[in-house]
Every structure is written in C-alpha cells, then in structure tokens.
C-alpha cells in the first residue's frame, strides 16, 4: 500500500435517497470524515471528495455523485488522477446477503449483484480491490429495488447505526494494518 489511499463510499446522491439502505457507503464516509474532522464537500471527478490524513497516509474520501450503477467513472478518474494502484483502494457498499448489523471485508471478489461494485470493476478493468460490505438484509415481501431505496425500519436502524460505526473502524484498521488484519478482526460476528 502506498502513502496515498482512497476510500470510496457508494450511494445515490440527493435528498430523496438520504439515509436509505442503499446509501450505507455514503454514511460510512461521513463517519470517517467526522472522525478526521474534514468535510466531504469539494466537487471533483463527478464526485464529492475530501483529502485528509490518517496513520501517516494521505487519505482521499470519495462519494461518486452519480447514480449507483454509474459509480465507476468517478472512481477510475480519481484513481487515475492520483496514480493509485488497485491496492490503494477500498470500496464501502451495502449488501443484501448480510443480515443487518454485519459487516464483511474482502481483499477482492465479485460484485455479488451490486450495481455500484460491478460498474467500478468494469471501469477499473479489475475486481481486485478491497471492499467493505455493510449488511442490510433483504425483504421477503418486497422487490429488492424497492427495499434498498427505502429507509431502514425502526428495528433495523440501531443495528445499521452500529454496523456503519464498525465499518468506519474497519476502514481505519485497514489503513493502518492492512486487509488481512481488518478481515480477521471485523468479519466475525461480534459477541
């Protein structure tokens, strides 16, 4: 890992999507920014972005400001601009295959049906980037597309609040100690 790294959080821009399940990535970026006392407000690369520092590394926080399935261009543009290798990138997204409250880190992997991850892999030409997925569960009664674009239920909200805090801590752990350590520490179910 170089001395500059980028953490990308996936979501949909605009008030209509604020706090919806599909915006877990944005929420984690917001928590990271808060912890670092920086603001993800600059507009660049078709994204909202901020520069900070953590553990002697320069840190780029990026929220692609396109709809989810077009997230990849902002990531590819920013990565190209800063000459980042794929090892200097971590993408945070929501995941319906994990129950609410769980998070899972991977060094690489498939998009698992997530349009944002799929578009990033396509635009980068590789899926060999680290990712942190925040579980939102799925609905038995609702279509996936409706479910992800709604706000969490009152039962789910506290679980998701804890999950995005764990994801923030996992990202900091990844920056400082690498993906293996972060995986072993955060992938297990917390007792």
N, C-alpha and C. Protein backbone atom coordinates (compact mmCIF):
# COMPACT_ATOMS: atom_id res chain seq x y z
N UNK A 1 0.85 -1.19 0.00
CA UNK A 1 0.00 0.00 0.00
C UNK A 1 0.89 1.24 0.00
N UNK A 2 0.56 2.18 -0.88
CA UNK A 2 1.37 3.39 -0.98
C UNK A 2 1.05 4.37 0.14
N UNK A 3 1.61 5.58 0.01
CA UNK A 3 1.36 6.55 1.08
C UNK A 3 0.12 7.40 0.79
N UNK A 4 -0.58 7.07 -0.30
CA UNK A 4 -1.86 7.71 -0.56
C UNK A 4 -2.89 6.63 -0.86
N UNK A 5 -4.03 6.73 -0.21
CA UNK A 5 -5.06 5.71 -0.41
C UNK A 5 -6.42 6.38 -0.55
N UNK A 6 -7.35 5.63 -1.14
CA UNK A 6 -8.68 6.18 -1.38
C UNK A 6 -9.75 5.24 -0.85
N UNK A 7 -10.68 5.82 -0.10
CA UNK A 7 -11.84 5.07 0.37
C UNK A 7 -13.07 5.65 -0.32
N UNK A 8 -13.79 4.76 -1.01
CA UNK A 8 -14.97 5.16 -1.77
C UNK A 8 -16.20 4.61 -1.07
N UNK A 9 -17.18 5.47 -0.85
CA UNK A 9 -18.45 5.01 -0.30
C UNK A 9 -19.53 5.12 -1.36
N UNK A 10 -20.31 4.06 -1.54
CA UNK A 10 -21.33 4.06 -2.59
C UNK A 10 -22.70 4.47 -2.05
N UNK A 11 -23.43 5.20 -2.88
CA UNK A 11 -24.77 5.63 -2.53
C UNK A 11 -25.40 6.32 -3.72
N UNK A 12 -26.58 6.83 -3.53
CA UNK A 12 -27.24 7.64 -4.55
C UNK A 12 -27.31 9.08 -4.06
N UNK A 13 -26.97 10.04 -4.92
CA UNK A 13 -26.98 11.44 -4.49
C UNK A 13 -28.40 12.00 -4.35
N UNK A 14 -28.55 13.01 -3.55
CA UNK A 14 -29.83 13.72 -3.47
C UNK A 14 -30.63 13.39 -2.23
N UNK A 15 -31.45 14.33 -1.82
CA UNK A 15 -32.23 14.17 -0.58
C UNK A 15 -33.18 12.99 -0.62
N UNK A 16 -33.67 12.66 -1.78
CA UNK A 16 -34.61 11.55 -1.92
C UNK A 16 -34.01 10.24 -1.38
N UNK A 17 -32.68 10.12 -1.47
CA UNK A 17 -32.03 8.85 -1.09
C UNK A 17 -31.30 8.92 0.24
N UNK A 18 -31.37 10.07 0.87
CA UNK A 18 -30.68 10.26 2.14
C UNK A 18 -31.12 9.18 3.14
N UNK A 19 -30.16 8.57 3.83
CA UNK A 19 -30.47 7.59 4.88
C UNK A 19 -31.18 6.33 4.39
N UNK A 20 -31.20 6.09 3.07
CA UNK A 20 -31.80 4.84 2.60
C UNK A 20 -30.78 3.71 2.73
N UNK A 21 -31.28 2.49 2.66
CA UNK A 21 -30.39 1.32 2.88
C UNK A 21 -29.25 1.27 1.86
N UNK A 22 -29.53 1.75 0.64
CA UNK A 22 -28.53 1.67 -0.43
C UNK A 22 -27.39 2.68 -0.21
N UNK A 23 -27.54 3.56 0.78
CA UNK A 23 -26.55 4.62 0.99
C UNK A 23 -25.61 4.37 2.16
N UNK A 24 -25.49 3.12 2.57
CA UNK A 24 -24.59 2.79 3.68
C UNK A 24 -23.16 3.27 3.41
N UNK A 25 -22.72 3.16 2.16
CA UNK A 25 -21.36 3.60 1.82
C UNK A 25 -21.15 5.07 2.09
N UNK A 26 -22.14 5.90 1.70
CA UNK A 26 -22.07 7.33 1.97
C UNK A 26 -21.98 7.59 3.48
N UNK A 27 -22.80 6.84 4.24
CA UNK A 27 -22.85 7.07 5.70
C UNK A 27 -21.51 6.74 6.35
N UNK A 28 -20.86 5.69 5.88
CA UNK A 28 -19.55 5.32 6.43
C UNK A 28 -18.53 6.42 6.10
N UNK A 29 -18.57 6.93 4.88
CA UNK A 29 -17.68 8.03 4.50
C UNK A 29 -17.91 9.25 5.41
N UNK A 30 -19.18 9.54 5.69
CA UNK A 30 -19.49 10.67 6.57
C UNK A 30 -18.90 10.48 7.97
N UNK A 31 -18.97 9.24 8.48
CA UNK A 31 -18.40 8.96 9.81
C UNK A 31 -16.87 9.08 9.80
N UNK A 32 -16.26 8.61 8.72
CA UNK A 32 -14.80 8.73 8.58
C UNK A 32 -14.40 10.21 8.56
N UNK A 33 -15.15 10.99 7.79
CA UNK A 33 -14.86 12.43 7.67
C UNK A 33 -15.01 13.12 9.03
N UNK A 34 -16.06 12.74 9.74
CA UNK A 34 -16.30 13.31 11.07
C UNK A 34 -15.14 13.00 12.01
N UNK A 35 -14.69 11.75 11.99
CA UNK A 35 -13.59 11.33 12.85
C UNK A 35 -12.30 12.09 12.50
N UNK A 36 -12.12 12.37 11.22
CA UNK A 36 -10.91 13.06 10.76
C UNK A 36 -11.07 14.58 10.75
N UNK A 37 -12.27 15.02 11.11
CA UNK A 37 -12.61 16.46 11.11
C UNK A 37 -12.37 17.11 9.75
N UNK A 38 -12.82 16.43 8.72
CA UNK A 38 -12.78 17.03 7.39
C UNK A 38 -14.19 16.97 6.80
N UNK A 39 -14.42 17.70 5.73
CA UNK A 39 -15.74 17.73 5.14
C UNK A 39 -15.69 17.24 3.70
N UNK A 40 -16.59 16.31 3.38
CA UNK A 40 -16.64 15.76 2.03
C UNK A 40 -17.53 16.68 1.20
N UNK A 41 -17.00 17.83 0.84
CA UNK A 41 -17.81 18.84 0.18
C UNK A 41 -17.31 19.26 -1.19
N UNK A 42 -16.02 19.07 -1.45
CA UNK A 42 -15.46 19.50 -2.74
C UNK A 42 -16.09 18.70 -3.87
N UNK A 43 -16.30 19.37 -5.00
CA UNK A 43 -16.80 18.67 -6.18
C UNK A 43 -15.66 18.45 -7.14
N UNK A 44 -15.38 17.21 -7.45
CA UNK A 44 -14.31 16.88 -8.39
C UNK A 44 -14.52 15.45 -8.85
N UNK A 45 -14.09 15.15 -10.05
CA UNK A 45 -14.18 13.77 -10.59
C UNK A 45 -15.62 13.26 -10.71
N UNK A 46 -16.61 14.14 -10.76
CA UNK A 46 -18.00 13.66 -10.76
C UNK A 46 -18.35 13.06 -9.42
N UNK A 47 -17.75 13.60 -8.36
CA UNK A 47 -17.94 13.06 -7.02
C UNK A 47 -17.87 14.19 -6.00
N UNK A 48 -18.19 13.85 -4.76
CA UNK A 48 -17.89 14.70 -3.62
C UNK A 48 -16.65 14.10 -2.98
N UNK A 49 -15.68 14.94 -2.66
CA UNK A 49 -14.48 14.32 -2.13
C UNK A 49 -13.78 15.21 -1.11
N UNK A 50 -12.91 14.59 -0.32
CA UNK A 50 -12.13 15.31 0.68
C UNK A 50 -10.77 14.64 0.80
N UNK A 51 -9.80 15.43 1.20
CA UNK A 51 -8.46 14.90 1.48
C UNK A 51 -8.20 15.02 2.97
N UNK A 52 -7.65 13.98 3.55
CA UNK A 52 -7.30 14.01 4.96
C UNK A 52 -6.03 13.21 5.18
N UNK A 53 -5.70 12.98 6.44
CA UNK A 53 -4.54 12.16 6.76
C UNK A 53 -4.87 11.23 7.91
N UNK A 54 -4.33 10.03 7.81
CA UNK A 54 -4.50 9.07 8.90
C UNK A 54 -3.35 8.09 8.85
N UNK A 55 -2.77 7.80 10.01
CA UNK A 55 -1.68 6.82 10.11
C UNK A 55 -0.59 7.11 9.08
N UNK A 56 -0.17 8.37 9.01
CA UNK A 56 0.90 8.79 8.10
C UNK A 56 0.60 8.57 6.62
N UNK A 57 -0.67 8.42 6.28
CA UNK A 57 -1.03 8.29 4.88
C UNK A 57 -1.98 9.43 4.50
N UNK A 58 -1.85 9.86 3.26
CA UNK A 58 -2.84 10.79 2.73
C UNK A 58 -4.07 9.97 2.34
N UNK A 59 -5.21 10.48 2.72
CA UNK A 59 -6.44 9.72 2.55
C UNK A 59 -7.43 10.52 1.72
N UNK A 60 -7.91 9.90 0.65
CA UNK A 60 -8.96 10.50 -0.17
C UNK A 60 -10.28 9.83 0.20
N UNK A 61 -11.27 10.63 0.56
CA UNK A 61 -12.62 10.10 0.78
C UNK A 61 -13.45 10.52 -0.43
N UNK A 62 -14.13 9.56 -1.02
CA UNK A 62 -14.85 9.84 -2.27
C UNK A 62 -16.26 9.28 -2.24
N UNK A 63 -17.22 10.13 -2.59
CA UNK A 63 -18.61 9.68 -2.81
C UNK A 63 -18.95 9.97 -4.27
N UNK A 64 -18.99 8.95 -5.11
CA UNK A 64 -19.37 9.20 -6.51
C UNK A 64 -20.76 9.84 -6.54
N UNK A 65 -20.89 10.97 -7.23
CA UNK A 65 -22.15 11.73 -7.19
C UNK A 65 -22.97 11.45 -8.45
N UNK A 66 -22.98 10.17 -8.84
CA UNK A 66 -23.82 9.71 -9.95
C UNK A 66 -24.75 8.67 -9.34
N UNK A 67 -25.70 8.18 -10.12
CA UNK A 67 -26.47 7.08 -9.57
C UNK A 67 -25.59 5.84 -9.47
N UNK A 68 -26.01 4.96 -8.61
CA UNK A 68 -25.21 3.81 -8.19
C UNK A 68 -24.55 3.07 -9.35
N UNK A 69 -25.34 2.79 -10.39
CA UNK A 69 -24.80 1.96 -11.48
C UNK A 69 -23.83 2.72 -12.38
N UNK A 70 -23.57 4.00 -12.04
CA UNK A 70 -22.57 4.76 -12.80
C UNK A 70 -21.44 5.24 -11.88
N UNK A 71 -21.24 4.54 -10.78
CA UNK A 71 -20.24 4.93 -9.78
C UNK A 71 -18.80 4.81 -10.29
N UNK A 72 -18.59 3.94 -11.25
CA UNK A 72 -17.23 3.56 -11.61
C UNK A 72 -16.38 4.67 -12.22
N UNK A 73 -17.02 5.54 -12.99
CA UNK A 73 -16.24 6.56 -13.70
C UNK A 73 -15.53 7.49 -12.73
N UNK A 74 -16.24 7.93 -11.68
CA UNK A 74 -15.63 8.83 -10.69
C UNK A 74 -14.44 8.16 -10.02
N UNK A 75 -14.61 6.88 -9.70
CA UNK A 75 -13.54 6.13 -9.04
C UNK A 75 -12.33 6.00 -9.96
N UNK A 76 -12.58 5.63 -11.21
CA UNK A 76 -11.49 5.45 -12.18
C UNK A 76 -10.78 6.78 -12.44
N UNK A 77 -11.55 7.87 -12.55
CA UNK A 77 -10.97 9.19 -12.82
C UNK A 77 -10.08 9.64 -11.66
N UNK A 78 -10.60 9.50 -10.44
CA UNK A 78 -9.83 9.91 -9.26
C UNK A 78 -8.58 9.04 -9.10
N UNK A 79 -8.74 7.73 -9.29
CA UNK A 79 -7.60 6.81 -9.16
C UNK A 79 -6.53 7.15 -10.20
N UNK A 80 -6.96 7.50 -11.41
CA UNK A 80 -6.02 7.88 -12.46
C UNK A 80 -5.31 9.19 -12.14
N UNK A 81 -6.07 10.14 -11.65
CA UNK A 81 -5.52 11.46 -11.32
C UNK A 81 -4.44 11.35 -10.25
N UNK A 82 -4.70 10.53 -9.22
CA UNK A 82 -3.74 10.39 -8.11
C UNK A 82 -2.76 9.23 -8.32
N UNK A 83 -2.85 8.59 -9.49
CA UNK A 83 -1.97 7.46 -9.82
C UNK A 83 -2.01 6.37 -8.74
N UNK A 84 -3.21 6.01 -8.36
CA UNK A 84 -3.38 4.99 -7.31
C UNK A 84 -3.44 3.60 -7.94
N UNK A 85 -2.74 2.67 -7.32
CA UNK A 85 -2.87 1.28 -7.71
C UNK A 85 -4.12 0.70 -7.09
N UNK A 86 -4.50 -0.47 -7.58
CA UNK A 86 -5.73 -1.09 -7.09
C UNK A 86 -5.60 -1.46 -5.60
N UNK A 87 -4.37 -1.64 -5.13
CA UNK A 87 -4.13 -1.96 -3.72
C UNK A 87 -4.33 -0.79 -2.78
N UNK A 88 -4.50 0.40 -3.35
CA UNK A 88 -4.69 1.59 -2.52
C UNK A 88 -6.15 2.02 -2.46
N UNK A 89 -7.03 1.09 -2.81
CA UNK A 89 -8.45 1.42 -2.91
C UNK A 89 -9.30 0.49 -2.04
N UNK A 90 -10.25 1.09 -1.34
CA UNK A 90 -11.25 0.30 -0.60
C UNK A 90 -12.61 0.90 -0.92
N UNK A 91 -13.57 0.03 -1.25
CA UNK A 91 -14.92 0.49 -1.58
C UNK A 91 -15.89 -0.02 -0.52
N UNK A 92 -16.72 0.89 -0.01
CA UNK A 92 -17.72 0.53 1.01
C UNK A 92 -19.10 0.54 0.36
N UNK A 93 -19.83 -0.56 0.52
CA UNK A 93 -21.16 -0.65 -0.08
C UNK A 93 -22.12 -1.36 0.87
N UNK A 94 -23.40 -1.28 0.53
CA UNK A 94 -24.40 -2.06 1.26
C UNK A 94 -24.43 -3.48 0.68
N UNK A 95 -25.01 -4.42 1.41
CA UNK A 95 -25.08 -5.80 0.94
C UNK A 95 -26.32 -6.49 1.48
N UNK A 96 -27.17 -6.96 0.57
CA UNK A 96 -28.41 -7.63 0.99
C UNK A 96 -28.17 -9.06 1.47
N UNK A 97 -27.00 -9.63 1.13
CA UNK A 97 -26.73 -11.01 1.53
C UNK A 97 -26.23 -11.12 2.98
N UNK A 98 -25.95 -9.98 3.59
CA UNK A 98 -25.55 -9.98 5.00
C UNK A 98 -26.71 -9.45 5.83
N UNK A 99 -26.96 -10.06 6.98
CA UNK A 99 -28.06 -9.55 7.79
C UNK A 99 -27.69 -8.18 8.36
N UNK A 100 -28.71 -7.37 8.67
CA UNK A 100 -28.46 -6.02 9.18
C UNK A 100 -27.53 -6.06 10.40
N UNK A 101 -26.52 -5.22 10.38
CA UNK A 101 -25.60 -5.16 11.51
C UNK A 101 -24.27 -5.85 11.26
N UNK A 102 -24.25 -6.77 10.30
CA UNK A 102 -22.99 -7.46 9.98
C UNK A 102 -22.19 -6.63 8.99
N UNK A 103 -20.87 -6.71 9.08
CA UNK A 103 -20.04 -6.16 8.01
C UNK A 103 -19.06 -7.24 7.57
N UNK A 104 -18.61 -7.14 6.33
CA UNK A 104 -17.64 -8.12 5.85
C UNK A 104 -16.64 -7.44 4.92
N UNK A 105 -15.36 -7.67 5.22
CA UNK A 105 -14.30 -7.15 4.36
C UNK A 105 -13.76 -8.26 3.49
N UNK A 106 -13.37 -7.90 2.28
CA UNK A 106 -12.75 -8.84 1.36
C UNK A 106 -11.62 -8.11 0.64
N UNK A 107 -10.56 -8.86 0.33
CA UNK A 107 -9.44 -8.26 -0.41
C UNK A 107 -9.81 -8.03 -1.87
N UNK A 108 -10.76 -8.84 -2.38
CA UNK A 108 -11.23 -8.74 -3.77
C UNK A 108 -12.48 -9.59 -3.86
N UNK A 109 -13.10 -9.64 -5.03
CA UNK A 109 -14.26 -10.52 -5.15
C UNK A 109 -15.20 -10.07 -6.24
N UNK A 110 -16.31 -10.77 -6.34
CA UNK A 110 -17.29 -10.42 -7.37
C UNK A 110 -18.16 -9.28 -6.88
N UNK A 111 -18.96 -8.75 -7.78
CA UNK A 111 -19.86 -7.65 -7.41
C UNK A 111 -21.04 -8.15 -6.59
N UNK A 112 -21.29 -9.46 -6.64
CA UNK A 112 -22.39 -10.03 -5.86
C UNK A 112 -23.72 -9.36 -6.16
N UNK A 113 -23.93 -8.98 -7.42
CA UNK A 113 -25.21 -8.38 -7.78
C UNK A 113 -25.32 -6.90 -7.44
N UNK A 114 -24.24 -6.31 -6.94
CA UNK A 114 -24.29 -4.88 -6.58
C UNK A 114 -23.86 -4.04 -7.78
N UNK A 115 -24.78 -3.21 -8.28
CA UNK A 115 -24.52 -2.44 -9.50
C UNK A 115 -23.34 -1.49 -9.37
N UNK A 116 -23.18 -0.91 -8.18
CA UNK A 116 -22.07 0.02 -7.97
C UNK A 116 -20.72 -0.67 -8.06
N UNK A 117 -20.61 -1.80 -7.36
CA UNK A 117 -19.36 -2.57 -7.39
C UNK A 117 -19.07 -3.07 -8.81
N UNK A 118 -20.13 -3.50 -9.49
CA UNK A 118 -19.96 -4.02 -10.87
C UNK A 118 -19.43 -2.94 -11.78
N UNK A 119 -19.96 -1.72 -11.65
CA UNK A 119 -19.53 -0.63 -12.53
C UNK A 119 -18.08 -0.22 -12.23
N UNK A 120 -17.72 -0.23 -10.96
CA UNK A 120 -16.33 0.11 -10.59
C UNK A 120 -15.37 -0.93 -11.17
N UNK A 121 -15.71 -2.21 -11.03
CA UNK A 121 -14.86 -3.27 -11.57
C UNK A 121 -14.72 -3.13 -13.08
N UNK A 122 -15.81 -2.79 -13.74
CA UNK A 122 -15.78 -2.62 -15.19
C UNK A 122 -14.89 -1.45 -15.59
N UNK A 123 -15.07 -0.31 -14.92
CA UNK A 123 -14.31 0.90 -15.29
C UNK A 123 -12.83 0.77 -14.92
N UNK A 124 -12.53 0.04 -13.85
CA UNK A 124 -11.12 -0.15 -13.46
C UNK A 124 -10.49 -1.30 -14.24
N UNK A 125 -11.34 -2.14 -14.82
CA UNK A 125 -10.84 -3.30 -15.56
C UNK A 125 -10.35 -4.40 -14.64
N UNK A 126 -10.76 -4.36 -13.38
CA UNK A 126 -10.36 -5.40 -12.42
C UNK A 126 -11.31 -5.39 -11.23
N UNK A 127 -11.45 -6.56 -10.59
CA UNK A 127 -12.23 -6.59 -9.34
C UNK A 127 -11.31 -6.92 -8.17
N UNK A 128 -10.02 -6.66 -8.38
CA UNK A 128 -9.02 -6.97 -7.34
C UNK A 128 -8.86 -5.83 -6.33
N UNK A 129 -9.94 -5.17 -6.00
CA UNK A 129 -9.85 -4.11 -5.00
C UNK A 129 -10.56 -4.54 -3.72
N UNK A 130 -10.08 -4.00 -2.60
CA UNK A 130 -10.67 -4.35 -1.30
C UNK A 130 -12.05 -3.72 -1.20
N UNK A 131 -12.93 -4.42 -0.47
CA UNK A 131 -14.24 -3.85 -0.24
C UNK A 131 -14.73 -4.18 1.16
N UNK A 132 -15.55 -3.28 1.67
CA UNK A 132 -16.18 -3.48 2.98
C UNK A 132 -17.68 -3.38 2.74
N UNK A 133 -18.37 -4.50 3.02
CA UNK A 133 -19.81 -4.53 2.76
C UNK A 133 -20.57 -4.45 4.07
N UNK A 134 -21.59 -3.61 4.08
CA UNK A 134 -22.40 -3.40 5.27
C UNK A 134 -23.75 -4.08 5.05
N UNK A 135 -24.08 -5.03 5.91
CA UNK A 135 -25.30 -5.81 5.72
C UNK A 135 -26.57 -5.00 5.94
N UNK A 136 -27.51 -5.15 5.01
CA UNK A 136 -28.82 -4.50 5.17
C UNK A 136 -29.94 -5.54 5.16
N UNK A 137 -29.56 -6.82 4.97
CA UNK A 137 -30.59 -7.87 4.90
C UNK A 137 -31.46 -7.71 3.67
N UNK A 138 -32.51 -8.54 3.59
CA UNK A 138 -33.42 -8.40 2.45
C UNK A 138 -34.85 -8.60 2.92
N UNK A 139 -35.78 -8.28 2.06
CA UNK A 139 -37.20 -8.36 2.42
C UNK A 139 -37.83 -9.58 1.78
N UNK A 140 -38.68 -10.28 2.53
CA UNK A 140 -39.41 -11.42 1.97
C UNK A 140 -40.53 -10.93 1.06
N UNK A 141 -41.05 -9.75 1.38
CA UNK A 141 -42.27 -9.31 0.71
C UNK A 141 -42.03 -8.27 -0.38
N UNK A 142 -40.87 -7.63 -0.36
CA UNK A 142 -40.62 -6.51 -1.26
C UNK A 142 -39.63 -6.83 -2.35
N UNK A 143 -39.80 -6.22 -3.49
CA UNK A 143 -38.78 -6.30 -4.54
C UNK A 143 -37.50 -5.67 -4.01
N UNK A 144 -36.35 -6.23 -4.40
CA UNK A 144 -35.06 -5.72 -3.94
C UNK A 144 -34.90 -4.24 -4.22
N UNK A 145 -35.30 -3.82 -5.43
CA UNK A 145 -35.06 -2.43 -5.83
C UNK A 145 -35.83 -1.47 -4.93
N UNK A 146 -37.02 -1.86 -4.50
CA UNK A 146 -37.79 -1.01 -3.59
C UNK A 146 -37.18 -1.04 -2.19
N UNK A 147 -36.80 -2.22 -1.78
CA UNK A 147 -36.26 -2.40 -0.42
C UNK A 147 -35.02 -1.55 -0.18
N UNK A 148 -34.08 -1.58 -1.13
CA UNK A 148 -32.81 -0.86 -0.90
C UNK A 148 -32.98 0.65 -0.92
N UNK A 149 -34.03 1.12 -1.61
CA UNK A 149 -34.22 2.57 -1.73
C UNK A 149 -35.13 3.14 -0.64
N UNK A 150 -35.44 2.32 0.36
CA UNK A 150 -36.22 2.82 1.49
C UNK A 150 -35.34 2.99 2.72
N UNK A 151 -35.86 3.76 3.67
CA UNK A 151 -35.14 3.93 4.92
C UNK A 151 -35.35 2.70 5.78
N UNK A 152 -34.37 2.37 6.63
CA UNK A 152 -34.48 1.19 7.49
C UNK A 152 -35.68 1.29 8.44
N UNK A 153 -36.18 0.13 8.84
CA UNK A 153 -37.26 0.10 9.83
C UNK A 153 -36.71 0.51 11.20
N UNK A 154 -37.60 0.79 12.12
CA UNK A 154 -37.18 1.16 13.48
C UNK A 154 -36.39 0.04 14.15
N UNK A 155 -36.69 -1.22 13.79
CA UNK A 155 -35.94 -2.35 14.37
C UNK A 155 -34.53 -2.39 13.79
N UNK A 156 -34.42 -2.10 12.50
CA UNK A 156 -33.12 -2.22 11.83
C UNK A 156 -32.18 -1.06 12.14
N UNK A 157 -32.74 0.12 12.35
CA UNK A 157 -31.94 1.34 12.44
C UNK A 157 -30.79 1.23 13.45
N UNK A 158 -31.06 0.78 14.70
CA UNK A 158 -29.94 0.67 15.66
C UNK A 158 -28.86 -0.30 15.20
N UNK A 159 -29.26 -1.39 14.54
CA UNK A 159 -28.29 -2.37 14.05
C UNK A 159 -27.42 -1.75 12.97
N UNK A 160 -28.04 -0.99 12.09
CA UNK A 160 -27.29 -0.37 11.00
C UNK A 160 -26.39 0.75 11.51
N UNK A 161 -26.85 1.46 12.52
CA UNK A 161 -26.01 2.50 13.12
C UNK A 161 -24.73 1.89 13.68
N UNK A 162 -24.87 0.75 14.34
CA UNK A 162 -23.70 0.05 14.89
C UNK A 162 -22.82 -0.45 13.74
N UNK A 163 -23.44 -0.95 12.69
CA UNK A 163 -22.68 -1.52 11.56
C UNK A 163 -21.84 -0.45 10.86
N UNK A 164 -22.42 0.76 10.68
CA UNK A 164 -21.62 1.78 9.98
C UNK A 164 -20.48 2.27 10.87
N UNK A 165 -20.68 2.24 12.18
CA UNK A 165 -19.56 2.58 13.09
C UNK A 165 -18.47 1.51 13.03
N UNK A 166 -18.89 0.25 12.98
CA UNK A 166 -17.90 -0.84 12.86
C UNK A 166 -17.17 -0.74 11.52
N UNK A 167 -17.91 -0.38 10.48
CA UNK A 167 -17.29 -0.25 9.16
C UNK A 167 -16.26 0.89 9.17
N UNK A 168 -16.61 1.99 9.82
CA UNK A 168 -15.64 3.10 9.95
C UNK A 168 -14.38 2.60 10.65
N UNK A 169 -14.54 1.87 11.75
CA UNK A 169 -13.38 1.36 12.49
C UNK A 169 -12.60 0.36 11.64
N UNK A 170 -13.32 -0.44 10.86
CA UNK A 170 -12.67 -1.43 9.99
C UNK A 170 -11.83 -0.74 8.91
N UNK A 171 -12.34 0.37 8.38
CA UNK A 171 -11.59 1.12 7.37
C UNK A 171 -10.31 1.68 7.98
N UNK A 172 -10.41 2.25 9.17
CA UNK A 172 -9.20 2.75 9.84
C UNK A 172 -8.21 1.62 10.09
N UNK A 173 -8.72 0.45 10.48
CA UNK A 173 -7.87 -0.72 10.72
C UNK A 173 -7.18 -1.14 9.42
N UNK A 174 -7.92 -1.14 8.32
CA UNK A 174 -7.35 -1.48 7.00
C UNK A 174 -6.22 -0.52 6.64
N UNK A 175 -6.46 0.77 6.86
CA UNK A 175 -5.44 1.77 6.50
C UNK A 175 -4.16 1.52 7.30
N UNK A 176 -4.34 1.22 8.58
CA UNK A 176 -3.19 1.11 9.47
C UNK A 176 -2.51 -0.25 9.40
N UNK A 177 -3.31 -1.32 9.27
CA UNK A 177 -2.75 -2.68 9.42
C UNK A 177 -2.95 -3.59 8.21
N UNK A 178 -3.70 -3.14 7.21
CA UNK A 178 -3.90 -3.97 6.02
C UNK A 178 -5.17 -4.80 6.08
N UNK A 179 -5.53 -5.38 4.93
CA UNK A 179 -6.82 -6.05 4.78
C UNK A 179 -6.92 -7.33 5.62
N UNK A 180 -5.81 -8.09 5.70
CA UNK A 180 -5.89 -9.36 6.44
C UNK A 180 -6.27 -9.13 7.91
N UNK A 181 -5.60 -8.17 8.52
CA UNK A 181 -5.88 -7.86 9.93
C UNK A 181 -7.31 -7.36 10.09
N UNK A 182 -7.71 -6.48 9.18
CA UNK A 182 -9.07 -5.94 9.25
C UNK A 182 -10.11 -7.05 9.09
N UNK A 183 -9.85 -7.98 8.17
CA UNK A 183 -10.77 -9.10 7.96
C UNK A 183 -10.89 -9.97 9.20
N UNK A 184 -9.74 -10.30 9.79
CA UNK A 184 -9.80 -11.21 10.93
C UNK A 184 -10.45 -10.55 12.14
N UNK A 185 -10.33 -9.24 12.21
CA UNK A 185 -10.89 -8.54 13.37
C UNK A 185 -12.38 -8.23 13.22
N UNK A 186 -12.81 -7.91 11.99
CA UNK A 186 -14.17 -7.38 11.82
C UNK A 186 -15.16 -8.32 11.13
N UNK A 187 -14.66 -9.39 10.48
CA UNK A 187 -15.60 -10.25 9.76
C UNK A 187 -16.37 -11.19 10.67
N UNK A 188 -15.83 -11.49 11.81
CA UNK A 188 -16.57 -12.40 12.69
C UNK A 188 -17.74 -11.63 13.32
N UNK A 189 -18.75 -12.39 13.70
CA UNK A 189 -19.90 -11.77 14.35
C UNK A 189 -19.45 -11.31 15.73
N UNK A 190 -19.74 -10.06 16.03
CA UNK A 190 -19.33 -9.58 17.36
C UNK A 190 -20.24 -10.20 18.41
N UNK A 191 -19.63 -10.64 19.48
CA UNK A 191 -20.40 -11.35 20.51
C UNK A 191 -21.33 -10.40 21.24
